[in-house]
Amino acid sequence: MRIRSHTIRVLTAAVLMAGGLAAATTASATAAPATAQSCYGSAKSYATDSYNQWPAFPSGWAYATSNCADINVKPSSGTNVRTCFATSSGSYYCNAYRWIAGGTWGLAATDVKDGTKFHLQFDRYSSGLVAY
């Protein structure tokens, strides 16, 4: 009788532990999409100006937010885009152009610090969504 009750207790503990591990795995797996959703959920519509820039040139600058770690662009049709960053001296520098296919999210810049002043340059007229 003692062996049976001990076995039942061990099996019950194993089942409870397995259930807890499954719940923890499920919670971890759903955390990443929630983060991406909050970034893309904050996306704004954009349309380039006559200089193929966004925000509008010459005074247009956007500021990176805590919503996203990167600058993400979802153009309506495929385009090359690069990000230009303002420096404290008043000048700016740009990264290399990156191709982003139409209707898909792509990275215009990665690991951008919150509050960083930037604008986007495209190789043609473009409209779509931008999340930053």
N, C-alpha and C. Protein backbone atom coordinates (compact mmCIF):
# COMPACT_ATOMS: atom_id res chain seq x y z
N MET A 1 0.82 -1.18 0.00
CA MET A 1 0.00 0.00 0.00
C MET A 1 0.87 1.26 0.00
N ARG A 2 1.96 1.23 0.79
CA ARG A 2 2.85 2.38 0.84
C ARG A 2 3.48 2.65 -0.52
N ILE A 3 3.86 1.64 -1.23
CA ILE A 3 4.50 1.81 -2.53
C ILE A 3 3.50 2.46 -3.49
N ARG A 4 2.23 2.00 -3.47
CA ARG A 4 1.22 2.54 -4.37
C ARG A 4 0.99 4.04 -4.09
N SER A 5 0.84 4.44 -2.82
CA SER A 5 0.58 5.84 -2.51
C SER A 5 1.80 6.71 -2.83
N HIS A 6 2.99 6.17 -2.62
CA HIS A 6 4.20 6.92 -2.96
C HIS A 6 4.28 7.11 -4.49
N THR A 7 3.98 6.06 -5.24
CA THR A 7 3.99 6.14 -6.70
C THR A 7 2.98 7.17 -7.20
N ILE A 8 1.80 7.18 -6.61
CA ILE A 8 0.76 8.14 -7.02
C ILE A 8 1.22 9.57 -6.75
N ARG A 9 1.86 9.80 -5.60
CA ARG A 9 2.35 11.14 -5.29
C ARG A 9 3.44 11.57 -6.28
N VAL A 10 4.34 10.68 -6.62
CA VAL A 10 5.41 11.00 -7.56
C VAL A 10 4.82 11.30 -8.95
N LEU A 11 3.87 10.49 -9.40
CA LEU A 11 3.25 10.72 -10.70
C LEU A 11 2.46 12.03 -10.72
N THR A 12 1.76 12.33 -9.63
CA THR A 12 1.01 13.59 -9.55
C THR A 12 1.95 14.78 -9.63
N ALA A 13 3.06 14.72 -8.92
CA ALA A 13 4.04 15.80 -8.95
C ALA A 13 4.61 15.96 -10.36
N ALA A 14 4.88 14.86 -11.03
CA ALA A 14 5.42 14.92 -12.39
C ALA A 14 4.43 15.56 -13.35
N VAL A 15 3.15 15.21 -13.22
CA VAL A 15 2.12 15.79 -14.09
C VAL A 15 2.01 17.29 -13.84
N LEU A 16 2.02 17.70 -12.57
CA LEU A 16 1.92 19.13 -12.25
C LEU A 16 3.13 19.90 -12.78
N MET A 17 4.32 19.32 -12.65
CA MET A 17 5.51 19.99 -13.16
C MET A 17 5.47 20.11 -14.68
N ALA A 18 5.04 19.07 -15.36
CA ALA A 18 4.95 19.10 -16.82
C ALA A 18 3.95 20.15 -17.27
N GLY A 19 2.84 20.26 -16.58
CA GLY A 19 1.84 21.28 -16.90
C GLY A 19 2.40 22.67 -16.71
N GLY A 20 3.16 22.89 -15.66
CA GLY A 20 3.77 24.20 -15.42
C GLY A 20 4.79 24.55 -16.48
N LEU A 21 5.58 23.56 -16.91
CA LEU A 21 6.56 23.80 -17.96
C LEU A 21 5.88 24.12 -19.28
N ALA A 22 4.79 23.42 -19.58
CA ALA A 22 4.06 23.69 -20.81
C ALA A 22 3.47 25.09 -20.79
N ALA A 23 2.96 25.53 -19.66
CA ALA A 23 2.39 26.88 -19.55
C ALA A 23 3.49 27.92 -19.70
N ALA A 24 4.65 27.68 -19.12
CA ALA A 24 5.76 28.63 -19.23
C ALA A 24 6.24 28.73 -20.67
N THR A 25 6.31 27.59 -21.37
CA THR A 25 6.72 27.59 -22.76
C THR A 25 5.73 28.35 -23.62
N THR A 26 4.45 28.16 -23.38
CA THR A 26 3.42 28.86 -24.14
C THR A 26 3.51 30.36 -23.90
N ALA A 27 3.73 30.78 -22.67
CA ALA A 27 3.82 32.21 -22.36
C ALA A 27 5.02 32.83 -23.06
N SER A 28 6.15 32.11 -23.09
CA SER A 28 7.34 32.64 -23.76
C SER A 28 7.14 32.73 -25.26
N ALA A 29 6.48 31.75 -25.83
CA ALA A 29 6.27 31.74 -27.27
C ALA A 29 5.35 32.86 -27.72
N THR A 30 4.41 33.26 -26.89
CA THR A 30 3.50 34.32 -27.29
C THR A 30 4.03 35.70 -26.98
N ALA A 31 5.10 35.82 -26.22
CA ALA A 31 5.62 37.15 -25.86
C ALA A 31 6.24 37.86 -27.06
N ALA A 32 6.95 37.14 -27.92
CA ALA A 32 7.60 37.78 -29.06
C ALA A 32 6.60 38.41 -30.03
N PRO A 33 5.53 37.69 -30.45
CA PRO A 33 4.58 38.34 -31.35
C PRO A 33 3.91 39.56 -30.73
N ALA A 34 3.71 39.58 -29.43
CA ALA A 34 3.09 40.74 -28.79
C ALA A 34 4.01 41.95 -28.90
N THR A 35 5.31 41.74 -28.78
CA THR A 35 6.27 42.84 -28.93
C THR A 35 6.25 43.37 -30.35
N ALA A 36 6.28 42.47 -31.33
CA ALA A 36 6.23 42.90 -32.73
C ALA A 36 4.93 43.62 -33.02
N GLN A 37 3.83 43.13 -32.47
CA GLN A 37 2.54 43.76 -32.70
C GLN A 37 2.52 45.18 -32.14
N SER A 38 3.12 45.40 -30.98
CA SER A 38 3.11 46.75 -30.42
C SER A 38 3.94 47.69 -31.28
N CYS A 39 4.99 47.21 -31.90
CA CYS A 39 5.80 48.03 -32.80
C CYS A 39 5.01 48.34 -34.07
N TYR A 40 4.58 47.32 -34.78
CA TYR A 40 3.83 47.52 -36.01
C TYR A 40 2.47 48.17 -35.74
N GLY A 41 1.93 47.93 -34.55
CA GLY A 41 0.66 48.55 -34.18
C GLY A 41 0.76 50.07 -34.07
N SER A 42 1.97 50.58 -33.90
CA SER A 42 2.18 52.03 -33.80
C SER A 42 2.56 52.64 -35.15
N ALA A 43 2.48 51.84 -36.22
CA ALA A 43 2.90 52.31 -37.55
C ALA A 43 2.07 53.51 -38.02
N LYS A 44 2.74 54.37 -38.79
CA LYS A 44 2.10 55.55 -39.37
C LYS A 44 2.15 55.43 -40.90
N SER A 45 1.17 56.02 -41.55
CA SER A 45 1.20 56.09 -43.01
C SER A 45 2.26 57.10 -43.44
N TYR A 46 2.90 56.83 -44.57
CA TYR A 46 3.85 57.80 -45.11
C TYR A 46 3.65 57.92 -46.61
N ALA A 47 4.03 59.03 -47.15
CA ALA A 47 4.12 59.26 -48.59
C ALA A 47 5.29 60.21 -48.78
N THR A 48 6.17 59.89 -49.71
CA THR A 48 7.36 60.72 -49.90
C THR A 48 7.00 62.05 -50.56
N ASP A 49 7.88 63.03 -50.37
CA ASP A 49 7.70 64.34 -50.98
C ASP A 49 8.35 64.35 -52.37
N SER A 50 8.47 65.52 -52.97
CA SER A 50 9.05 65.63 -54.31
C SER A 50 10.53 65.27 -54.35
N TYR A 51 11.18 65.21 -53.18
CA TYR A 51 12.58 64.80 -53.08
C TYR A 51 12.71 63.31 -52.74
N ASN A 52 11.59 62.59 -52.74
CA ASN A 52 11.54 61.17 -52.37
C ASN A 52 12.02 60.93 -50.95
N GLN A 53 11.66 61.84 -50.06
CA GLN A 53 12.02 61.73 -48.64
C GLN A 53 10.76 61.70 -47.78
N TRP A 54 10.91 61.18 -46.59
CA TRP A 54 9.88 61.25 -45.56
C TRP A 54 10.58 61.41 -44.23
N PRO A 55 10.11 62.27 -43.34
CA PRO A 55 9.12 63.33 -43.54
C PRO A 55 9.62 64.36 -44.55
N ALA A 56 8.72 65.28 -44.91
CA ALA A 56 8.98 66.23 -45.99
C ALA A 56 10.25 67.06 -45.76
N PHE A 57 11.04 67.22 -46.81
CA PHE A 57 12.26 68.02 -46.80
C PHE A 57 11.88 69.50 -46.88
N PRO A 58 12.59 70.45 -46.32
CA PRO A 58 13.88 70.33 -45.65
C PRO A 58 13.76 70.22 -44.13
N SER A 59 12.60 70.53 -43.58
CA SER A 59 12.50 70.58 -42.12
C SER A 59 12.04 69.27 -41.50
N GLY A 60 11.72 68.31 -42.33
CA GLY A 60 11.12 67.08 -41.81
C GLY A 60 12.09 66.11 -41.19
N TRP A 61 11.91 65.88 -39.93
CA TRP A 61 12.67 64.86 -39.21
C TRP A 61 11.69 64.09 -38.35
N ALA A 62 11.95 62.82 -38.16
CA ALA A 62 11.19 61.99 -37.23
C ALA A 62 12.13 61.63 -36.09
N TYR A 63 11.58 61.17 -34.99
CA TYR A 63 12.37 60.81 -33.81
C TYR A 63 12.04 59.38 -33.41
N ALA A 64 13.07 58.54 -33.28
CA ALA A 64 12.87 57.15 -32.88
C ALA A 64 12.17 57.10 -31.52
N THR A 65 11.30 56.12 -31.36
CA THR A 65 10.53 55.97 -30.12
C THR A 65 10.86 54.64 -29.45
N SER A 66 10.31 54.46 -28.28
CA SER A 66 10.49 53.19 -27.56
C SER A 66 9.55 52.11 -28.10
N ASN A 67 8.70 52.45 -29.06
CA ASN A 67 7.79 51.45 -29.63
C ASN A 67 8.54 50.36 -30.38
N CYS A 68 9.63 50.72 -31.03
CA CYS A 68 10.39 49.78 -31.86
C CYS A 68 11.89 49.99 -31.62
N ALA A 69 12.64 48.92 -31.71
CA ALA A 69 14.10 49.02 -31.61
C ALA A 69 14.72 49.40 -32.95
N ASP A 70 13.95 49.19 -34.03
CA ASP A 70 14.43 49.42 -35.39
C ASP A 70 13.51 50.40 -36.10
N ILE A 71 13.91 50.82 -37.28
CA ILE A 71 13.04 51.61 -38.15
C ILE A 71 12.56 50.66 -39.24
N ASN A 72 11.26 50.42 -39.26
CA ASN A 72 10.64 49.44 -40.13
C ASN A 72 9.78 50.14 -41.18
N VAL A 73 9.86 49.67 -42.42
CA VAL A 73 9.09 50.27 -43.51
C VAL A 73 8.33 49.16 -44.24
N LYS A 74 7.07 49.44 -44.57
CA LYS A 74 6.25 48.53 -45.37
C LYS A 74 5.73 49.32 -46.57
N PRO A 75 6.50 49.35 -47.66
CA PRO A 75 6.08 50.14 -48.83
C PRO A 75 4.96 49.43 -49.60
N SER A 76 4.13 50.23 -50.27
CA SER A 76 3.06 49.65 -51.09
C SER A 76 3.64 48.91 -52.29
N SER A 77 4.74 49.41 -52.85
CA SER A 77 5.44 48.72 -53.93
C SER A 77 6.93 48.73 -53.61
N GLY A 78 7.66 47.80 -54.19
CA GLY A 78 9.08 47.64 -53.86
C GLY A 78 9.89 48.92 -54.07
N THR A 79 10.84 49.15 -53.17
CA THR A 79 11.66 50.36 -53.25
C THR A 79 12.96 50.16 -52.49
N ASN A 80 13.95 50.97 -52.82
CA ASN A 80 15.17 51.06 -52.02
C ASN A 80 14.99 52.20 -51.04
N VAL A 81 15.42 51.99 -49.81
CA VAL A 81 15.29 53.02 -48.78
C VAL A 81 16.57 53.05 -47.95
N ARG A 82 16.92 54.24 -47.52
CA ARG A 82 18.02 54.38 -46.57
C ARG A 82 17.59 55.36 -45.50
N THR A 83 18.25 55.27 -44.35
CA THR A 83 17.94 56.14 -43.22
C THR A 83 19.08 57.13 -43.03
N CYS A 84 18.72 58.39 -42.86
CA CYS A 84 19.70 59.44 -42.60
C CYS A 84 19.51 59.93 -41.18
N PHE A 85 20.59 60.03 -40.44
CA PHE A 85 20.56 60.41 -39.03
C PHE A 85 21.21 61.77 -38.84
N ALA A 86 20.60 62.59 -38.00
CA ALA A 86 21.16 63.91 -37.67
C ALA A 86 22.26 63.73 -36.62
N THR A 87 23.31 64.52 -36.76
CA THR A 87 24.38 64.52 -35.76
C THR A 87 24.25 65.76 -34.88
N SER A 88 24.94 65.77 -33.78
CA SER A 88 24.87 66.91 -32.86
C SER A 88 25.47 68.18 -33.48
N SER A 89 26.32 68.02 -34.50
CA SER A 89 26.93 69.19 -35.16
C SER A 89 26.00 69.84 -36.18
N GLY A 90 24.86 69.19 -36.45
CA GLY A 90 23.93 69.75 -37.42
C GLY A 90 24.00 69.11 -38.79
N SER A 91 25.02 68.31 -39.03
CA SER A 91 25.11 67.59 -40.30
C SER A 91 24.34 66.27 -40.16
N TYR A 92 24.38 65.46 -41.20
CA TYR A 92 23.74 64.15 -41.10
C TYR A 92 24.52 63.14 -41.93
N TYR A 93 24.30 61.87 -41.63
CA TYR A 93 24.90 60.79 -42.40
C TYR A 93 23.82 59.75 -42.68
N CYS A 94 24.00 59.00 -43.76
CA CYS A 94 22.99 58.02 -44.18
C CYS A 94 23.61 56.63 -44.27
N ASN A 95 22.80 55.62 -43.97
CA ASN A 95 23.25 54.25 -44.17
C ASN A 95 23.05 53.87 -45.64
N ALA A 96 23.42 52.67 -46.01
CA ALA A 96 23.29 52.21 -47.39
C ALA A 96 21.82 51.95 -47.73
N TYR A 97 21.50 52.05 -49.02
CA TYR A 97 20.14 51.71 -49.46
C TYR A 97 19.89 50.22 -49.24
N ARG A 98 18.64 49.92 -48.88
CA ARG A 98 18.20 48.53 -48.69
C ARG A 98 16.92 48.34 -49.49
N TRP A 99 16.82 47.23 -50.18
CA TRP A 99 15.62 46.91 -50.95
C TRP A 99 14.56 46.32 -50.02
N ILE A 100 13.34 46.85 -50.13
CA ILE A 100 12.21 46.29 -49.39
C ILE A 100 11.11 46.00 -50.40
N ALA A 101 10.69 44.75 -50.47
CA ALA A 101 9.64 44.34 -51.40
C ALA A 101 8.30 44.95 -51.00
N GLY A 102 7.48 45.25 -51.97
CA GLY A 102 6.18 45.84 -51.71
C GLY A 102 5.30 44.93 -50.86
N GLY A 103 4.57 45.52 -49.93
CA GLY A 103 3.63 44.79 -49.10
C GLY A 103 4.27 43.98 -47.98
N THR A 104 5.58 44.13 -47.77
CA THR A 104 6.26 43.40 -46.70
C THR A 104 6.99 44.39 -45.79
N TRP A 105 7.12 44.01 -44.53
CA TRP A 105 7.90 44.83 -43.59
C TRP A 105 9.38 44.57 -43.83
N GLY A 106 10.16 45.62 -43.84
CA GLY A 106 11.60 45.51 -43.97
C GLY A 106 12.29 46.50 -43.06
N LEU A 107 13.56 46.27 -42.82
CA LEU A 107 14.34 47.14 -41.93
C LEU A 107 15.05 48.24 -42.70
N ALA A 108 14.78 49.47 -42.33
CA ALA A 108 15.51 50.61 -42.90
C ALA A 108 16.74 50.91 -42.05
N ALA A 109 16.67 50.60 -40.76
CA ALA A 109 17.80 50.77 -39.83
C ALA A 109 17.55 49.90 -38.61
N THR A 110 18.62 49.40 -38.01
CA THR A 110 18.49 48.53 -36.84
C THR A 110 19.13 49.16 -35.61
N ASP A 111 18.65 48.73 -34.45
CA ASP A 111 19.19 49.15 -33.15
C ASP A 111 19.31 50.67 -33.04
N VAL A 112 18.21 51.35 -33.28
CA VAL A 112 18.19 52.82 -33.24
C VAL A 112 17.80 53.27 -31.83
N LYS A 113 18.62 54.12 -31.26
CA LYS A 113 18.40 54.61 -29.90
C LYS A 113 17.16 55.52 -29.85
N ASP A 114 16.36 55.39 -28.80
CA ASP A 114 15.18 56.23 -28.61
C ASP A 114 15.56 57.71 -28.69
N GLY A 115 14.75 58.49 -29.38
CA GLY A 115 15.01 59.93 -29.49
C GLY A 115 15.92 60.32 -30.64
N THR A 116 16.48 59.34 -31.36
CA THR A 116 17.36 59.65 -32.48
C THR A 116 16.58 60.34 -33.60
N LYS A 117 17.14 61.42 -34.11
CA LYS A 117 16.52 62.22 -35.17
C LYS A 117 16.90 61.61 -36.52
N PHE A 118 15.89 61.32 -37.37
CA PHE A 118 16.17 60.67 -38.65
C PHE A 118 15.15 61.08 -39.72
N HIS A 119 15.49 60.82 -40.96
CA HIS A 119 14.52 60.84 -42.05
C HIS A 119 14.87 59.72 -43.02
N LEU A 120 13.91 59.36 -43.85
CA LEU A 120 14.09 58.28 -44.81
C LEU A 120 14.22 58.86 -46.21
N GLN A 121 15.13 58.27 -47.00
CA GLN A 121 15.28 58.63 -48.41
C GLN A 121 14.99 57.39 -49.24
N PHE A 122 14.20 57.57 -50.28
CA PHE A 122 13.81 56.48 -51.17
C PHE A 122 14.37 56.74 -52.57
N ASP A 123 14.48 55.70 -53.38
CA ASP A 123 15.00 55.87 -54.74
C ASP A 123 13.90 56.24 -55.74
N ARG A 124 12.67 56.38 -55.26
CA ARG A 124 11.53 56.75 -56.10
C ARG A 124 10.39 57.18 -55.19
N TYR A 125 9.31 57.65 -55.77
CA TYR A 125 8.14 57.96 -54.95
C TYR A 125 7.72 56.69 -54.23
N SER A 126 7.33 56.82 -52.98
CA SER A 126 6.90 55.66 -52.21
C SER A 126 5.85 56.08 -51.19
N SER A 127 4.95 55.15 -50.91
CA SER A 127 3.98 55.34 -49.84
C SER A 127 3.78 53.99 -49.17
N GLY A 128 3.28 54.03 -47.95
CA GLY A 128 3.06 52.80 -47.21
C GLY A 128 2.99 53.08 -45.73
N LEU A 129 3.63 52.21 -44.94
CA LEU A 129 3.64 52.34 -43.48
C LEU A 129 5.07 52.40 -42.98
N VAL A 130 5.26 53.13 -41.88
CA VAL A 130 6.57 53.19 -41.23
C VAL A 130 6.34 53.04 -39.73
N ALA A 131 7.14 52.20 -39.09
CA ALA A 131 7.06 51.98 -37.64
C ALA A 131 8.45 52.20 -37.06
N TYR A 132 8.51 53.02 -36.00
CA TYR A 132 9.81 53.36 -35.40
C TYR A 132 9.66 53.70 -33.94
